[in-house]
Amino acid sequence: MYACAECGRAACCESADTASYPRGCPSREPFESEVLGFYREGEDAHLARNAGLVEAHGYCRLTRIEEIMDFARRCGYAKLGLAFCIGLQSEAAVTSRVLRANGFSVDSVACKNGSLPKEVLGLGEEDKVDPGEFESMCNPLGQARALDQAGTELNLLLGLCVGHDSLFMKHSVAPVTVLAAKDRVLGHNPLAAIYMADGYYCDKLFPKAEDADVAGA
């Protein structure tokens, strides 16, 4: 079991000496030698090197959208794709305008493309936001296919639903980077819940012992 999230040493940030790594550290695993091969040549090496350059030259100075544009330029990508949630269409429009103003070509595809009814997924009226009304399902596979058809070189993900973003990233042919993750409750700032986990959100995020027992029964 790996538990980097609870590691109190973070020796991997300070030394290449494996003797200083705690037991169970993934840095001790033999697959590291396999990983090195991907970082030395090919597309993965190209992406990783340019990601490192973006970090080195923009750390704590560039905003996320600026970092994305810097990354795209360093990789030689001029044609970008934007897969967005229809609820963030206004944000998508501004994003497209910013990207085009900086010399990029942009193809954008909304999540509701295809107008496929939710019944395709076997969902009933009780599973709709507005029962009794036509509701088109989110179609991340359609977004991925359309952007591939458009020939995009790097796809930006803007606010797709949890799970739909997983499907988009799974089926996107071009590399994917995230501009923003959806969280309607917290103004699309998911980490706010984490920052308040030991405060106001404690009861919501940490089930009480008796609730946990029932869930595990």
N, C-alpha and C. Protein backbone atom coordinates (compact mmCIF):
# COMPACT_ATOMS: atom_id res chain seq x y z
N MET A 1 0.84 -1.20 0.00
CA MET A 1 0.00 0.00 0.00
C MET A 1 0.88 1.25 0.00
N TYR A 2 0.54 2.18 -0.86
CA TYR A 2 1.28 3.44 -0.93
C TYR A 2 0.51 4.51 -0.16
N ALA A 3 1.23 5.34 0.58
CA ALA A 3 0.58 6.37 1.40
C ALA A 3 1.36 7.68 1.35
N CYS A 4 1.68 8.13 0.16
CA CYS A 4 2.43 9.38 0.02
C CYS A 4 1.70 10.55 0.67
N ALA A 5 0.36 10.52 0.66
CA ALA A 5 -0.42 11.62 1.22
C ALA A 5 -0.16 11.80 2.71
N GLU A 6 0.21 10.71 3.39
CA GLU A 6 0.47 10.80 4.83
C GLU A 6 1.96 10.81 5.16
N CYS A 7 2.81 10.86 4.16
CA CYS A 7 4.26 10.82 4.41
C CYS A 7 4.72 12.12 5.07
N GLY A 8 5.49 11.98 6.13
CA GLY A 8 5.99 13.17 6.83
C GLY A 8 7.41 13.52 6.47
N ARG A 9 8.01 12.79 5.52
CA ARG A 9 9.42 13.01 5.21
C ARG A 9 9.63 13.65 3.84
N ALA A 10 8.85 13.23 2.87
CA ALA A 10 8.98 13.75 1.50
C ALA A 10 10.44 13.72 1.05
N ALA A 11 11.13 12.62 1.37
CA ALA A 11 12.54 12.50 1.03
C ALA A 11 12.76 12.52 -0.47
N CYS A 12 11.75 12.12 -1.25
CA CYS A 12 11.89 12.09 -2.71
C CYS A 12 12.11 13.48 -3.30
N CYS A 13 11.73 14.52 -2.54
CA CYS A 13 11.93 15.89 -3.02
C CYS A 13 13.35 16.39 -2.76
N GLU A 14 14.08 15.67 -1.91
CA GLU A 14 15.37 16.19 -1.44
C GLU A 14 16.57 15.34 -1.81
N SER A 15 16.34 14.07 -2.12
CA SER A 15 17.47 13.18 -2.35
C SER A 15 17.10 12.03 -3.27
N ALA A 16 18.10 11.56 -4.03
CA ALA A 16 17.91 10.39 -4.89
C ALA A 16 18.41 9.13 -4.19
N ASP A 17 18.79 9.27 -2.93
CA ASP A 17 19.29 8.15 -2.15
C ASP A 17 18.11 7.34 -1.62
N THR A 18 17.85 6.17 -2.21
CA THR A 18 16.70 5.36 -1.83
C THR A 18 16.75 4.91 -0.37
N ALA A 19 17.95 4.91 0.23
CA ALA A 19 18.07 4.47 1.62
C ALA A 19 17.31 5.40 2.55
N SER A 20 17.09 6.64 2.10
CA SER A 20 16.40 7.61 2.95
C SER A 20 14.88 7.56 2.79
N TYR A 21 14.42 6.73 1.85
CA TYR A 21 12.98 6.66 1.60
C TYR A 21 12.33 5.72 2.62
N PRO A 22 11.14 6.06 3.09
CA PRO A 22 10.46 5.18 4.05
C PRO A 22 9.98 3.89 3.40
N ARG A 23 9.70 2.90 4.22
CA ARG A 23 9.18 1.64 3.72
C ARG A 23 7.83 1.88 3.02
N GLY A 24 7.63 1.21 1.88
CA GLY A 24 6.39 1.39 1.14
C GLY A 24 6.40 2.56 0.19
N CYS A 25 7.52 3.26 0.09
CA CYS A 25 7.62 4.41 -0.81
C CYS A 25 7.67 3.92 -2.25
N PRO A 26 6.84 4.47 -3.13
CA PRO A 26 6.87 4.02 -4.53
C PRO A 26 8.20 4.28 -5.21
N SER A 27 9.02 5.18 -4.64
CA SER A 27 10.33 5.45 -5.22
C SER A 27 11.27 4.26 -5.09
N ARG A 28 10.92 3.32 -4.22
CA ARG A 28 11.74 2.11 -4.05
C ARG A 28 11.38 1.02 -5.05
N GLU A 29 10.29 1.18 -5.78
CA GLU A 29 9.79 0.12 -6.64
C GLU A 29 10.65 -0.06 -7.90
N PRO A 30 10.76 -1.29 -8.38
CA PRO A 30 11.57 -1.58 -9.57
C PRO A 30 11.01 -0.98 -10.86
N PHE A 31 9.70 -0.59 -10.86
CA PHE A 31 9.15 -0.06 -12.10
C PHE A 31 9.70 1.31 -12.46
N GLU A 32 10.46 1.91 -11.54
CA GLU A 32 11.05 3.21 -11.85
C GLU A 32 11.98 3.12 -13.06
N SER A 33 12.66 2.01 -13.21
CA SER A 33 13.57 1.85 -14.34
C SER A 33 12.77 1.80 -15.65
N GLU A 34 11.57 1.24 -15.61
CA GLU A 34 10.72 1.20 -16.80
C GLU A 34 10.22 2.60 -17.15
N VAL A 35 9.86 3.35 -16.13
CA VAL A 35 9.34 4.70 -16.33
C VAL A 35 10.39 5.60 -16.99
N LEU A 36 11.62 5.43 -16.59
CA LEU A 36 12.69 6.28 -17.13
C LEU A 36 12.76 6.23 -18.65
N GLY A 37 12.49 5.08 -19.22
CA GLY A 37 12.53 4.94 -20.67
C GLY A 37 11.54 5.86 -21.36
N PHE A 38 10.37 6.04 -20.77
CA PHE A 38 9.36 6.91 -21.37
C PHE A 38 9.76 8.38 -21.29
N TYR A 39 10.52 8.73 -20.27
CA TYR A 39 10.95 10.11 -20.10
C TYR A 39 12.15 10.49 -20.96
N ARG A 40 12.74 9.51 -21.63
CA ARG A 40 13.96 9.77 -22.38
C ARG A 40 13.72 9.99 -23.87
N GLU A 41 12.61 9.48 -24.38
CA GLU A 41 12.33 9.66 -25.80
C GLU A 41 10.85 9.52 -26.09
N GLY A 42 10.43 10.05 -27.22
CA GLY A 42 9.04 9.94 -27.63
C GLY A 42 8.17 11.07 -27.13
N GLU A 43 6.85 10.93 -27.35
CA GLU A 43 5.91 11.99 -26.99
C GLU A 43 5.88 12.25 -25.50
N ASP A 44 5.94 11.20 -24.69
CA ASP A 44 5.90 11.39 -23.24
C ASP A 44 7.08 12.24 -22.78
N ALA A 45 8.25 11.98 -23.32
CA ALA A 45 9.43 12.77 -22.96
C ALA A 45 9.25 14.22 -23.38
N HIS A 46 8.68 14.43 -24.56
CA HIS A 46 8.44 15.78 -25.09
C HIS A 46 7.50 16.55 -24.16
N LEU A 47 6.40 15.90 -23.76
CA LEU A 47 5.43 16.54 -22.88
C LEU A 47 6.03 16.82 -21.50
N ALA A 48 6.73 15.84 -20.96
CA ALA A 48 7.29 15.98 -19.62
C ALA A 48 8.34 17.08 -19.56
N ARG A 49 9.20 17.15 -20.58
CA ARG A 49 10.25 18.18 -20.59
C ARG A 49 9.64 19.57 -20.64
N ASN A 50 8.65 19.74 -21.50
CA ASN A 50 8.04 21.06 -21.62
C ASN A 50 7.20 21.43 -20.40
N ALA A 51 6.61 20.42 -19.76
CA ALA A 51 5.89 20.68 -18.51
C ALA A 51 6.86 21.16 -17.44
N GLY A 52 8.05 20.56 -17.42
CA GLY A 52 9.07 20.98 -16.47
C GLY A 52 9.55 22.40 -16.73
N LEU A 53 9.63 22.76 -18.01
CA LEU A 53 10.05 24.12 -18.35
C LEU A 53 8.98 25.15 -17.96
N VAL A 54 7.72 24.78 -18.14
CA VAL A 54 6.63 25.67 -17.73
C VAL A 54 6.70 25.91 -16.23
N GLU A 55 6.92 24.83 -15.48
CA GLU A 55 7.03 24.96 -14.02
C GLU A 55 8.21 25.85 -13.63
N ALA A 56 9.35 25.61 -14.25
CA ALA A 56 10.55 26.35 -13.88
C ALA A 56 10.46 27.84 -14.18
N HIS A 57 9.82 28.18 -15.29
CA HIS A 57 9.81 29.58 -15.72
C HIS A 57 8.53 30.33 -15.38
N GLY A 58 7.52 29.61 -14.86
CA GLY A 58 6.29 30.31 -14.53
C GLY A 58 5.79 30.07 -13.13
N TYR A 59 6.56 29.35 -12.32
CA TYR A 59 6.12 28.95 -10.99
C TYR A 59 5.73 30.15 -10.14
N CYS A 60 4.49 30.14 -9.67
CA CYS A 60 3.95 31.22 -8.81
C CYS A 60 3.91 32.58 -9.50
N ARG A 61 4.04 32.59 -10.82
CA ARG A 61 3.96 33.85 -11.56
C ARG A 61 2.86 33.82 -12.63
N LEU A 62 2.69 32.67 -13.27
CA LEU A 62 1.70 32.55 -14.32
C LEU A 62 0.40 31.94 -13.79
N THR A 63 -0.73 32.44 -14.29
CA THR A 63 -2.02 31.84 -13.95
C THR A 63 -2.15 30.52 -14.72
N ARG A 64 -3.17 29.75 -14.39
CA ARG A 64 -3.36 28.45 -15.04
C ARG A 64 -3.51 28.60 -16.55
N ILE A 65 -4.32 29.55 -17.01
CA ILE A 65 -4.53 29.72 -18.44
C ILE A 65 -3.23 30.16 -19.12
N GLU A 66 -2.43 30.96 -18.44
CA GLU A 66 -1.14 31.37 -19.01
C GLU A 66 -0.18 30.19 -19.08
N GLU A 67 -0.20 29.35 -18.06
CA GLU A 67 0.65 28.16 -18.08
C GLU A 67 0.26 27.22 -19.23
N ILE A 68 -1.04 27.08 -19.46
CA ILE A 68 -1.50 26.22 -20.54
C ILE A 68 -1.02 26.75 -21.89
N MET A 69 -1.10 28.05 -22.09
CA MET A 69 -0.64 28.63 -23.35
C MET A 69 0.87 28.49 -23.50
N ASP A 70 1.60 28.67 -22.40
CA ASP A 70 3.05 28.50 -22.44
C ASP A 70 3.40 27.06 -22.79
N PHE A 71 2.70 26.12 -22.17
CA PHE A 71 2.92 24.70 -22.43
C PHE A 71 2.64 24.37 -23.89
N ALA A 72 1.52 24.87 -24.41
CA ALA A 72 1.15 24.60 -25.80
C ALA A 72 2.20 25.13 -26.76
N ARG A 73 2.68 26.33 -26.51
CA ARG A 73 3.71 26.92 -27.38
C ARG A 73 5.00 26.10 -27.34
N ARG A 74 5.42 25.72 -26.16
CA ARG A 74 6.66 24.95 -26.04
C ARG A 74 6.56 23.60 -26.73
N CYS A 75 5.35 23.03 -26.73
CA CYS A 75 5.12 21.74 -27.39
C CYS A 75 4.91 21.88 -28.89
N GLY A 76 4.73 23.11 -29.34
CA GLY A 76 4.49 23.34 -30.76
C GLY A 76 3.05 23.14 -31.17
N TYR A 77 2.12 23.22 -30.21
CA TYR A 77 0.71 23.04 -30.50
C TYR A 77 0.06 24.38 -30.85
N ALA A 78 -0.57 24.44 -32.00
CA ALA A 78 -1.27 25.65 -32.41
C ALA A 78 -2.78 25.47 -32.45
N LYS A 79 -3.24 24.21 -32.52
CA LYS A 79 -4.67 23.91 -32.65
C LYS A 79 -5.16 23.27 -31.35
N LEU A 80 -5.95 24.02 -30.60
CA LEU A 80 -6.41 23.56 -29.29
C LEU A 80 -7.88 23.18 -29.32
N GLY A 81 -8.24 22.24 -28.46
CA GLY A 81 -9.63 21.84 -28.30
C GLY A 81 -10.12 22.22 -26.92
N LEU A 82 -11.39 22.58 -26.82
CA LEU A 82 -11.98 22.95 -25.53
C LEU A 82 -13.24 22.12 -25.31
N ALA A 83 -13.18 21.19 -24.37
CA ALA A 83 -14.33 20.37 -24.00
C ALA A 83 -14.92 20.97 -22.74
N PHE A 84 -16.15 21.51 -22.84
CA PHE A 84 -16.69 22.25 -21.70
C PHE A 84 -18.10 21.83 -21.35
N CYS A 85 -18.48 22.13 -20.12
CA CYS A 85 -19.84 21.92 -19.64
C CYS A 85 -20.72 23.05 -20.17
N ILE A 86 -21.90 22.72 -20.63
CA ILE A 86 -22.80 23.73 -21.19
C ILE A 86 -23.13 24.80 -20.15
N GLY A 87 -23.07 24.44 -18.87
CA GLY A 87 -23.32 25.40 -17.80
C GLY A 87 -22.22 26.43 -17.66
N LEU A 88 -21.08 26.18 -18.30
CA LEU A 88 -19.96 27.13 -18.27
C LEU A 88 -19.69 27.68 -19.66
N GLN A 89 -20.76 27.86 -20.43
CA GLN A 89 -20.59 28.32 -21.80
C GLN A 89 -20.00 29.73 -21.85
N SER A 90 -20.42 30.59 -20.94
CA SER A 90 -19.88 31.96 -20.95
C SER A 90 -18.38 31.94 -20.64
N GLU A 91 -17.97 31.09 -19.69
CA GLU A 91 -16.55 30.96 -19.38
C GLU A 91 -15.78 30.37 -20.56
N ALA A 92 -16.42 29.42 -21.26
CA ALA A 92 -15.80 28.81 -22.43
C ALA A 92 -15.60 29.85 -23.54
N ALA A 93 -16.58 30.74 -23.68
CA ALA A 93 -16.48 31.77 -24.71
C ALA A 93 -15.32 32.72 -24.43
N VAL A 94 -15.15 33.10 -23.17
CA VAL A 94 -14.02 33.97 -22.81
C VAL A 94 -12.71 33.24 -23.01
N THR A 95 -12.68 31.97 -22.61
CA THR A 95 -11.46 31.17 -22.78
C THR A 95 -11.07 31.08 -24.24
N SER A 96 -12.05 30.82 -25.11
CA SER A 96 -11.77 30.75 -26.54
C SER A 96 -11.23 32.07 -27.06
N ARG A 97 -11.82 33.17 -26.57
CA ARG A 97 -11.39 34.49 -27.03
C ARG A 97 -9.95 34.77 -26.59
N VAL A 98 -9.62 34.38 -25.36
CA VAL A 98 -8.26 34.57 -24.86
C VAL A 98 -7.26 33.76 -25.68
N LEU A 99 -7.60 32.50 -25.94
CA LEU A 99 -6.69 31.63 -26.69
C LEU A 99 -6.47 32.15 -28.11
N ARG A 100 -7.54 32.58 -28.76
CA ARG A 100 -7.41 33.10 -30.12
C ARG A 100 -6.62 34.40 -30.16
N ALA A 101 -6.79 35.23 -29.13
CA ALA A 101 -6.05 36.49 -29.07
C ALA A 101 -4.55 36.24 -28.93
N ASN A 102 -4.21 35.05 -28.45
CA ASN A 102 -2.80 34.70 -28.28
C ASN A 102 -2.28 33.80 -29.39
N GLY A 103 -3.00 33.75 -30.50
CA GLY A 103 -2.50 33.08 -31.69
C GLY A 103 -2.90 31.63 -31.88
N PHE A 104 -3.76 31.10 -31.03
CA PHE A 104 -4.15 29.69 -31.15
C PHE A 104 -5.45 29.56 -31.94
N SER A 105 -5.60 28.43 -32.62
CA SER A 105 -6.86 28.06 -33.24
C SER A 105 -7.61 27.22 -32.22
N VAL A 106 -8.93 27.45 -32.10
CA VAL A 106 -9.69 26.77 -31.06
C VAL A 106 -10.95 26.11 -31.62
N ASP A 107 -11.13 24.82 -31.32
CA ASP A 107 -12.38 24.12 -31.59
C ASP A 107 -13.00 23.81 -30.24
N SER A 108 -14.25 24.19 -30.02
CA SER A 108 -14.90 23.94 -28.74
C SER A 108 -16.14 23.08 -28.94
N VAL A 109 -16.34 22.12 -28.02
CA VAL A 109 -17.48 21.21 -28.10
C VAL A 109 -18.14 21.11 -26.73
N ALA A 110 -19.45 21.37 -26.69
CA ALA A 110 -20.20 21.33 -25.44
C ALA A 110 -20.54 19.91 -25.03
N CYS A 111 -20.81 19.72 -23.75
CA CYS A 111 -21.08 18.39 -23.22
C CYS A 111 -22.38 17.78 -23.75
N LYS A 112 -23.32 18.62 -24.14
CA LYS A 112 -24.62 18.11 -24.58
C LYS A 112 -24.68 17.82 -26.07
N ASN A 113 -23.55 17.84 -26.74
CA ASN A 113 -23.53 17.57 -28.18
C ASN A 113 -24.21 16.23 -28.48
N GLY A 114 -24.92 16.18 -29.61
CA GLY A 114 -25.60 14.96 -30.00
C GLY A 114 -27.04 14.87 -29.54
N SER A 115 -27.39 15.67 -28.51
CA SER A 115 -28.77 15.68 -27.99
C SER A 115 -29.29 14.28 -27.70
N LEU A 116 -28.44 13.45 -27.10
CA LEU A 116 -28.85 12.08 -26.77
C LEU A 116 -29.69 12.09 -25.49
N PRO A 117 -30.88 11.48 -25.50
CA PRO A 117 -31.72 11.47 -24.30
C PRO A 117 -31.10 10.61 -23.20
N LYS A 118 -31.35 10.99 -21.96
CA LYS A 118 -30.79 10.26 -20.84
C LYS A 118 -31.29 8.82 -20.77
N GLU A 119 -32.40 8.54 -21.46
CA GLU A 119 -32.91 7.19 -21.49
C GLU A 119 -31.93 6.21 -22.14
N VAL A 120 -31.01 6.74 -22.96
CA VAL A 120 -29.98 5.90 -23.58
C VAL A 120 -29.18 5.17 -22.51
N LEU A 121 -29.01 5.82 -21.36
CA LEU A 121 -28.23 5.25 -20.27
C LEU A 121 -29.07 4.39 -19.33
N GLY A 122 -30.36 4.24 -19.67
CA GLY A 122 -31.23 3.47 -18.80
C GLY A 122 -31.73 4.26 -17.61
N LEU A 123 -31.62 5.59 -17.68
CA LEU A 123 -32.09 6.44 -16.58
C LEU A 123 -33.58 6.70 -16.73
N GLY A 124 -34.27 6.71 -15.61
CA GLY A 124 -35.70 6.97 -15.61
C GLY A 124 -36.01 8.41 -15.26
N GLU A 125 -37.30 8.74 -15.21
CA GLU A 125 -37.72 10.10 -14.90
C GLU A 125 -37.21 10.55 -13.54
N GLU A 126 -37.16 9.60 -12.60
CA GLU A 126 -36.70 9.94 -11.25
C GLU A 126 -35.21 10.27 -11.21
N ASP A 127 -34.51 9.96 -12.29
CA ASP A 127 -33.08 10.21 -12.35
C ASP A 127 -32.74 11.50 -13.10
N LYS A 128 -33.76 12.26 -13.46
CA LYS A 128 -33.54 13.51 -14.18
C LYS A 128 -33.53 14.70 -13.23
N VAL A 129 -32.88 15.77 -13.65
CA VAL A 129 -32.91 17.00 -12.88
C VAL A 129 -34.32 17.57 -12.90
N ASP A 130 -34.97 17.50 -14.05
CA ASP A 130 -36.36 17.95 -14.21
C ASP A 130 -37.21 16.81 -14.76
N PRO A 131 -37.76 15.98 -13.89
CA PRO A 131 -38.58 14.84 -14.33
C PRO A 131 -39.73 15.29 -15.24
N GLY A 132 -39.99 14.48 -16.24
CA GLY A 132 -41.07 14.79 -17.16
C GLY A 132 -40.64 15.62 -18.35
N GLU A 133 -39.42 16.11 -18.32
CA GLU A 133 -38.90 16.93 -19.41
C GLU A 133 -37.83 16.16 -20.19
N PHE A 134 -37.64 16.57 -21.46
CA PHE A 134 -36.53 15.99 -22.22
C PHE A 134 -35.23 16.50 -21.64
N GLU A 135 -34.31 15.61 -21.36
CA GLU A 135 -32.99 15.99 -20.89
C GLU A 135 -31.93 15.24 -21.68
N SER A 136 -31.08 15.99 -22.32
CA SER A 136 -30.00 15.34 -23.05
C SER A 136 -28.88 14.98 -22.08
N MET A 137 -28.32 13.82 -22.30
CA MET A 137 -27.22 13.35 -21.47
C MET A 137 -25.92 14.04 -21.86
N CYS A 138 -24.99 14.10 -20.93
CA CYS A 138 -23.66 14.58 -21.27
C CYS A 138 -23.00 13.53 -22.16
N ASN A 139 -22.25 13.97 -23.14
CA ASN A 139 -21.69 13.08 -24.14
C ASN A 139 -20.19 13.31 -24.31
N PRO A 140 -19.40 12.93 -23.30
CA PRO A 140 -17.96 13.15 -23.37
C PRO A 140 -17.28 12.36 -24.48
N LEU A 141 -17.84 11.19 -24.83
CA LEU A 141 -17.27 10.43 -25.94
C LEU A 141 -17.46 11.19 -27.25
N GLY A 142 -18.61 11.86 -27.38
CA GLY A 142 -18.85 12.67 -28.56
C GLY A 142 -17.91 13.87 -28.62
N GLN A 143 -17.63 14.44 -27.44
CA GLN A 143 -16.69 15.56 -27.40
C GLN A 143 -15.30 15.11 -27.85
N ALA A 144 -14.87 13.97 -27.35
CA ALA A 144 -13.55 13.45 -27.70
C ALA A 144 -13.47 13.13 -29.18
N ARG A 145 -14.53 12.53 -29.71
CA ARG A 145 -14.53 12.17 -31.13
C ARG A 145 -14.54 13.41 -32.02
N ALA A 146 -15.34 14.42 -31.65
CA ALA A 146 -15.42 15.64 -32.46
C ALA A 146 -14.09 16.38 -32.48
N LEU A 147 -13.43 16.45 -31.33
CA LEU A 147 -12.15 17.15 -31.28
C LEU A 147 -11.06 16.38 -32.02
N ASP A 148 -11.15 15.06 -32.00
CA ASP A 148 -10.22 14.26 -32.79
C ASP A 148 -10.46 14.51 -34.28
N GLN A 149 -11.74 14.58 -34.67
CA GLN A 149 -12.10 14.85 -36.06
C GLN A 149 -11.58 16.22 -36.49
N ALA A 150 -11.58 17.17 -35.54
CA ALA A 150 -11.10 18.52 -35.84
C ALA A 150 -9.58 18.60 -35.91
N GLY A 151 -8.92 17.55 -35.42
CA GLY A 151 -7.46 17.52 -35.47
C GLY A 151 -6.77 18.35 -34.41
N THR A 152 -7.40 18.48 -33.23
CA THR A 152 -6.77 19.27 -32.17
C THR A 152 -5.51 18.57 -31.66
N GLU A 153 -4.58 19.39 -31.20
CA GLU A 153 -3.29 18.86 -30.73
C GLU A 153 -3.19 18.79 -29.21
N LEU A 154 -3.98 19.61 -28.54
CA LEU A 154 -4.04 19.62 -27.08
C LEU A 154 -5.47 19.99 -26.69
N ASN A 155 -6.08 19.21 -25.82
CA ASN A 155 -7.45 19.48 -25.41
C ASN A 155 -7.52 20.01 -23.99
N LEU A 156 -8.30 21.05 -23.80
CA LEU A 156 -8.51 21.65 -22.49
C LEU A 156 -9.85 21.20 -21.95
N LEU A 157 -9.88 20.82 -20.70
CA LEU A 157 -11.11 20.36 -20.07
C LEU A 157 -11.62 21.46 -19.14
N LEU A 158 -12.86 21.88 -19.36
CA LEU A 158 -13.45 22.96 -18.57
C LEU A 158 -14.78 22.53 -17.95
N GLY A 159 -14.71 22.13 -16.69
CA GLY A 159 -15.91 21.90 -15.91
C GLY A 159 -16.78 20.72 -16.27
N LEU A 160 -16.24 19.66 -16.84
CA LEU A 160 -17.08 18.49 -17.09
C LEU A 160 -17.44 17.82 -15.76
N CYS A 161 -18.59 17.16 -15.74
CA CYS A 161 -19.05 16.49 -14.52
C CYS A 161 -18.07 15.39 -14.11
N VAL A 162 -18.09 15.07 -12.83
CA VAL A 162 -17.30 13.94 -12.33
C VAL A 162 -17.72 12.67 -13.09
N GLY A 163 -16.77 11.95 -13.58
CA GLY A 163 -17.05 10.73 -14.35
C GLY A 163 -17.09 11.01 -15.84
N HIS A 164 -17.78 12.07 -16.23
CA HIS A 164 -17.76 12.46 -17.63
C HIS A 164 -16.36 12.93 -18.01
N ASP A 165 -15.69 13.63 -17.07
CA ASP A 165 -14.32 14.03 -17.34
C ASP A 165 -13.41 12.81 -17.49
N SER A 166 -13.70 11.76 -16.70
CA SER A 166 -12.91 10.52 -16.80
C SER A 166 -13.05 9.90 -18.19
N LEU A 167 -14.29 9.87 -18.69
CA LEU A 167 -14.53 9.29 -20.01
C LEU A 167 -13.88 10.12 -21.11
N PHE A 168 -13.95 11.45 -20.97
CA PHE A 168 -13.32 12.29 -21.98
C PHE A 168 -11.82 12.05 -22.03
N MET A 169 -11.19 12.03 -20.87
CA MET A 169 -9.73 11.84 -20.83
C MET A 169 -9.35 10.44 -21.33
N LYS A 170 -10.22 9.47 -21.07
CA LYS A 170 -9.94 8.10 -21.52
C LYS A 170 -9.98 8.00 -23.05
N HIS A 171 -10.89 8.75 -23.67
CA HIS A 171 -11.09 8.60 -25.11
C HIS A 171 -10.47 9.71 -25.96
N SER A 172 -9.94 10.75 -25.34
CA SER A 172 -9.30 11.81 -26.11
C SER A 172 -8.03 11.29 -26.77
N VAL A 173 -7.90 11.57 -28.05
CA VAL A 173 -6.69 11.16 -28.76
C VAL A 173 -5.54 12.11 -28.44
N ALA A 174 -5.83 13.39 -28.40
CA ALA A 174 -4.82 14.39 -28.07
C ALA A 174 -4.61 14.43 -26.55
N PRO A 175 -3.44 14.88 -26.10
CA PRO A 175 -3.21 15.04 -24.66
C PRO A 175 -4.24 15.99 -24.07
N VAL A 176 -4.53 15.82 -22.79
CA VAL A 176 -5.55 16.62 -22.12
C VAL A 176 -4.94 17.34 -20.92
N THR A 177 -5.34 18.59 -20.72
CA THR A 177 -5.00 19.31 -19.49
C THR A 177 -6.28 19.94 -18.96
N VAL A 178 -6.33 20.16 -17.67
CA VAL A 178 -7.53 20.68 -17.03
C VAL A 178 -7.41 22.17 -16.77
N LEU A 179 -8.36 22.94 -17.27
CA LEU A 179 -8.40 24.37 -16.96
C LEU A 179 -9.14 24.59 -15.65
N ALA A 180 -10.26 23.90 -15.46
CA ALA A 180 -11.02 24.04 -14.21
C ALA A 180 -11.90 22.81 -14.00
N ALA A 181 -12.05 22.42 -12.74
CA ALA A 181 -12.92 21.31 -12.36
C ALA A 181 -14.24 21.86 -11.84
N LYS A 182 -15.31 21.16 -12.16
CA LYS A 182 -16.64 21.63 -11.76
C LYS A 182 -16.92 21.39 -10.28
N ASP A 183 -17.46 22.40 -9.62
CA ASP A 183 -18.00 22.28 -8.27
C ASP A 183 -18.99 23.43 -8.13
N ARG A 184 -20.24 23.18 -8.50
CA ARG A 184 -21.24 24.25 -8.49
C ARG A 184 -21.46 24.82 -7.10
N VAL A 185 -21.34 23.99 -6.08
CA VAL A 185 -21.60 24.43 -4.71
C VAL A 185 -20.54 25.43 -4.24
N LEU A 186 -19.30 25.20 -4.66
CA LEU A 186 -18.18 26.01 -4.16
C LEU A 186 -17.58 26.92 -5.23
N GLY A 187 -18.39 27.32 -6.21
CA GLY A 187 -17.89 28.24 -7.22
C GLY A 187 -16.74 27.66 -8.02
N HIS A 188 -16.80 26.34 -8.28
CA HIS A 188 -15.78 25.64 -9.06
C HIS A 188 -14.39 25.74 -8.39
N ASN A 189 -14.41 25.66 -7.08
CA ASN A 189 -13.17 25.62 -6.29
C ASN A 189 -13.26 24.41 -5.35
N PRO A 190 -13.07 23.19 -5.89
CA PRO A 190 -13.25 21.97 -5.11
C PRO A 190 -12.41 21.89 -3.84
N LEU A 191 -11.24 22.52 -3.86
CA LEU A 191 -10.37 22.42 -2.69
C LEU A 191 -10.91 23.18 -1.48
N ALA A 192 -11.89 24.04 -1.69
CA ALA A 192 -12.47 24.75 -0.55
C ALA A 192 -13.03 23.76 0.46
N ALA A 193 -13.63 22.67 -0.03
CA ALA A 193 -14.14 21.64 0.88
C ALA A 193 -13.02 20.98 1.67
N ILE A 194 -11.89 20.79 1.01
CA ILE A 194 -10.74 20.18 1.68
C ILE A 194 -10.17 21.13 2.73
N TYR A 195 -10.09 22.42 2.39
CA TYR A 195 -9.58 23.40 3.35
C TYR A 195 -10.48 23.51 4.58
N MET A 196 -11.78 23.21 4.42
CA MET A 196 -12.72 23.30 5.53
C MET A 196 -13.07 21.94 6.12
N ALA A 197 -12.29 20.91 5.73
CA ALA A 197 -12.60 19.55 6.16
C ALA A 197 -12.56 19.37 7.67
N ASP A 198 -11.70 20.11 8.35
CA ASP A 198 -11.60 20.00 9.81
C ASP A 198 -12.38 21.11 10.50
N GLY A 199 -13.18 21.84 9.73
CA GLY A 199 -13.98 22.92 10.28
C GLY A 199 -15.44 22.75 9.94
N TYR A 200 -15.97 23.71 9.16
CA TYR A 200 -17.39 23.71 8.84
C TYR A 200 -17.86 22.47 8.07
N TYR A 201 -16.97 21.86 7.29
CA TYR A 201 -17.39 20.71 6.48
C TYR A 201 -17.07 19.38 7.15
N CYS A 202 -16.64 19.41 8.39
CA CYS A 202 -16.23 18.18 9.08
C CYS A 202 -17.35 17.15 9.10
N ASP A 203 -18.56 17.56 9.50
CA ASP A 203 -19.66 16.61 9.61
C ASP A 203 -20.10 16.07 8.25
N LYS A 204 -19.87 16.84 7.20
CA LYS A 204 -20.28 16.40 5.86
C LYS A 204 -19.27 15.43 5.25
N LEU A 205 -18.00 15.63 5.57
CA LEU A 205 -16.96 14.84 4.92
C LEU A 205 -16.48 13.64 5.74
N PHE A 206 -16.68 13.69 7.05
CA PHE A 206 -16.26 12.57 7.90
C PHE A 206 -17.48 11.95 8.56
N PRO A 207 -17.94 10.80 8.04
CA PRO A 207 -19.13 10.15 8.60
C PRO A 207 -18.94 9.83 10.08
N LYS A 208 -20.02 9.97 10.84
CA LYS A 208 -19.94 9.59 12.25
C LYS A 208 -19.74 8.09 12.34
N ALA A 209 -19.22 7.66 13.48
CA ALA A 209 -18.88 6.24 13.65
C ALA A 209 -20.07 5.34 13.38
N GLU A 210 -21.25 5.72 13.89
CA GLU A 210 -22.40 4.85 13.70
C GLU A 210 -22.84 4.80 12.25
N ASP A 211 -22.70 5.95 11.54
CA ASP A 211 -23.04 5.98 10.12
C ASP A 211 -22.08 5.09 9.34
N ALA A 212 -20.80 5.14 9.71
CA ALA A 212 -19.79 4.35 9.02
C ALA A 212 -20.08 2.86 9.22
N ASP A 213 -20.54 2.48 10.44
CA ASP A 213 -20.83 1.08 10.72
C ASP A 213 -21.98 0.58 9.86
N VAL A 214 -22.99 1.43 9.71
CA VAL A 214 -24.15 1.06 8.90
C VAL A 214 -23.75 0.91 7.44
N ALA A 215 -22.91 1.87 6.95
CA ALA A 215 -22.48 1.83 5.56
C ALA A 215 -21.66 0.58 5.28
N GLY A 216 -20.91 0.13 6.28
CA GLY A 216 -20.04 -1.02 6.06
C GLY A 216 -20.73 -2.35 6.30
N ALA A 217 -21.96 -2.28 6.79
CA ALA A 217 -22.69 -3.53 7.11
C ALA A 217 -23.10 -4.26 5.84
